[in-house]
Structures are given as C-alpha cells and as structure tokens.
Amino acid sequence: MLLYPNKDKLLNKEKDCYLILCFCADWCNTCRQYKQKLSILSDQLKRHMFYWIDIEDNYEFIGDEDIINFPTLLVQIDKKTVFYGNIDSNIDHLSMVIKTISIDSNHIKTKLPNVWKMLEL
C-alpha cells in the first residue's frame, strides 16, 4: 500500500523492512505515471513501507536537498540510508535496487532531515 505523510503514520516493522520514499510533484506527468507503478509495487512488497512525498505539499521532507529530477528515491534500512538519488521511471529499476541492497550496504550521506522522526509523529 502506498502511504502518505499527512495521513499514514510510520509503523515499526520487522528488521528487514525498508522505508522507501518517492519524492515527486503532482504537476509532473512522469510522477503521476510512476505513482501508479509504485502503488502496484508497494502492494507486491507488503513488508516494506512506501511513502509518496509530494515536494510541494511536503517540502519539509527535503530539507536542504535539491531535488532536480523526478522521481527521486530514498531507501533506508533501520534508519540507515542505503540509496538516494533520481531513478529511471521504469519501476523495474527500483525493484532491482530493492533486491540488491541490504543493511550491509554502504551508508549514503544526505542533507535530508530525519524522515523517521517526521513520519512517527
């Protein structure tokens, strides 16, 4: 299920749960198409939490980062950022990222705020 920050609280899930945030904008045609695909993927991978972050409605989630291209994805495992960047709008690319990362993946530094804390409120 695709989650939204204004209405869906972050739930503590099992250790192998990934937090996946998709930063997009409602005015972006590519984003609207990607949103449908992301929703289907989130239904297939129920153990992970997929959030749709409209950067105009939820600008506080990007902090000091510059989002240049859409979609831009953040993937965290146990509050550790293991992927951050823009991604091809082919949903298979995100599926591949999810399959290839793990808690042992390198930590990626970003200027994003603590999204876990923001979503727990």
Protein backbone atom coordinates (compact mmCIF):
# COMPACT_ATOMS: atom_id res chain seq x y z
CA MET A 1 0.00 0.00 0.00
CA LEU A 2 1.28 3.42 -0.93
CA LEU A 3 1.43 5.68 2.14
CA TYR A 4 1.20 9.46 2.51
CA PRO A 5 2.96 11.51 5.21
CA ASN A 6 -0.06 13.61 6.14
CA LYS A 7 -2.27 10.64 6.90
CA ASP A 8 -0.17 7.50 7.41
CA LYS A 9 1.98 7.16 10.50
CA LEU A 10 5.24 5.24 10.33
CA LEU A 11 4.85 1.82 11.85
CA ASN A 12 7.67 -0.13 13.41
CA LYS A 13 8.05 -3.18 11.25
CA GLU A 14 10.34 -6.17 11.25
CA LYS A 15 14.07 -5.68 10.73
CA ASP A 16 14.01 -6.49 7.03
CA CYS A 17 11.52 -3.70 6.35
CA TYR A 18 12.75 -0.95 4.05
CA LEU A 19 11.49 2.62 4.22
CA ILE A 20 11.13 3.84 0.64
CA LEU A 21 10.27 7.48 -0.03
CA CYS A 22 9.48 8.69 -3.51
CA PHE A 23 9.93 12.45 -3.92
CA CYS A 24 7.79 13.74 -6.77
CA ALA A 25 5.40 16.53 -7.72
CA ASP A 26 1.74 16.31 -8.66
CA TRP A 27 2.23 18.58 -11.69
CA CYS A 28 4.80 16.17 -13.16
CA ASN A 29 3.32 13.78 -15.74
CA THR A 30 6.17 11.30 -15.25
CA CYS A 31 5.46 11.32 -11.50
CA ARG A 32 1.77 10.63 -11.98
CA GLN A 33 2.57 7.64 -14.15
CA TYR A 34 5.26 6.42 -11.74
CA LYS A 35 2.87 6.74 -8.81
CA GLN A 36 0.59 4.09 -10.31
CA LYS A 37 3.52 1.71 -10.78
CA LEU A 38 4.87 2.42 -7.30
CA SER A 39 1.47 1.66 -5.80
CA ILE A 40 1.42 -1.73 -7.53
CA LEU A 41 4.96 -2.50 -6.35
CA SER A 42 4.07 -1.49 -2.79
CA ASP A 43 1.15 -3.95 -2.88
CA GLN A 44 3.53 -6.70 -4.01
CA LEU A 45 6.18 -5.94 -1.37
CA LYS A 46 3.96 -5.57 1.69
CA ARG A 47 6.80 -5.94 4.20
CA HIS A 48 8.24 -2.58 3.09
CA MET A 49 6.82 0.90 3.69
CA PHE A 50 6.42 3.01 0.55
CA TYR A 51 5.70 6.73 1.00
CA TRP A 52 4.68 9.18 -1.69
CA ILE A 53 6.14 12.61 -0.88
CA ASP A 54 4.84 15.49 -2.98
CA ILE A 55 7.66 18.01 -2.58
CA GLU A 56 5.31 20.95 -2.91
CA ASP A 57 2.89 19.74 -0.23
CA ASN A 58 5.58 18.22 1.99
CA TYR A 59 8.61 20.40 1.31
CA GLU A 60 9.81 19.90 4.90
CA PHE A 61 10.85 16.35 3.93
CA ILE A 62 13.58 17.57 1.57
CA GLY A 63 15.27 19.97 3.98
CA ASP A 64 18.41 21.38 2.36
CA GLU A 65 18.48 18.88 -0.51
CA ASP A 66 17.85 19.99 -4.07
CA ILE A 67 15.51 17.68 -5.94
CA ILE A 68 16.41 18.20 -9.57
CA ASN A 69 14.87 15.23 -11.37
CA PHE A 70 11.84 13.05 -10.76
CA PRO A 71 11.38 10.51 -9.45
CA THR A 72 13.96 10.79 -6.67
CA LEU A 73 14.04 7.90 -4.24
CA LEU A 74 15.30 7.44 -0.70
CA VAL A 75 15.68 3.94 0.69
CA GLN A 76 16.55 3.40 4.33
CA ILE A 77 17.00 0.22 6.29
CA ASP A 78 16.87 0.58 10.06
CA LYS A 79 17.30 4.38 9.70
CA LYS A 80 20.42 3.90 7.53
CA THR A 81 20.30 5.48 4.06
CA VAL A 82 21.38 2.87 1.53
CA PHE A 83 20.08 4.54 -1.63
CA TYR A 84 19.33 8.14 -2.52
CA GLY A 85 19.01 9.67 -5.96
CA ASN A 86 16.92 10.08 -9.03
CA ILE A 87 15.96 6.90 -10.77
CA ASP A 88 14.64 5.96 -14.18
CA SER A 89 10.86 5.96 -14.25
CA ASN A 90 10.86 2.27 -15.17
CA ILE A 91 9.65 0.62 -11.94
CA ASP A 92 11.89 -2.39 -12.65
CA HIS A 93 14.87 -0.22 -11.73
CA LEU A 94 13.50 0.33 -8.23
CA SER A 95 12.76 -3.40 -7.96
CA MET A 96 16.39 -4.10 -8.82
CA VAL A 97 17.63 -1.59 -6.23
CA ILE A 98 15.47 -3.21 -3.55
CA LYS A 99 16.80 -6.66 -4.45
CA THR A 100 20.46 -5.59 -4.41
CA ILE A 101 20.65 -3.52 -1.22
CA SER A 102 20.85 -4.72 2.36
CA ILE A 103 21.67 -3.43 5.84
CA ASP A 104 25.31 -4.13 4.92
CA SER A 105 25.18 -1.66 2.00
CA ASN A 106 27.25 1.49 2.32
CA HIS A 107 25.69 4.39 4.22
CA ILE A 108 24.92 7.34 1.96
CA LYS A 109 25.04 10.82 3.44
CA THR A 110 22.32 13.29 2.50
CA LYS A 111 21.11 16.70 3.63
CA LEU A 112 17.63 15.27 4.21
CA PRO A 113 16.06 15.73 7.63
CA ASN A 114 15.36 12.74 9.89
CA VAL A 115 12.42 11.34 7.95
CA TRP A 116 11.80 8.58 10.50
CA LYS A 117 11.18 11.14 13.19
CA MET A 118 8.95 13.19 10.88
CA LEU A 119 6.84 10.17 9.96
CA GLU A 120 6.49 8.90 13.54
CA LEU A 121 4.58 11.99 14.60
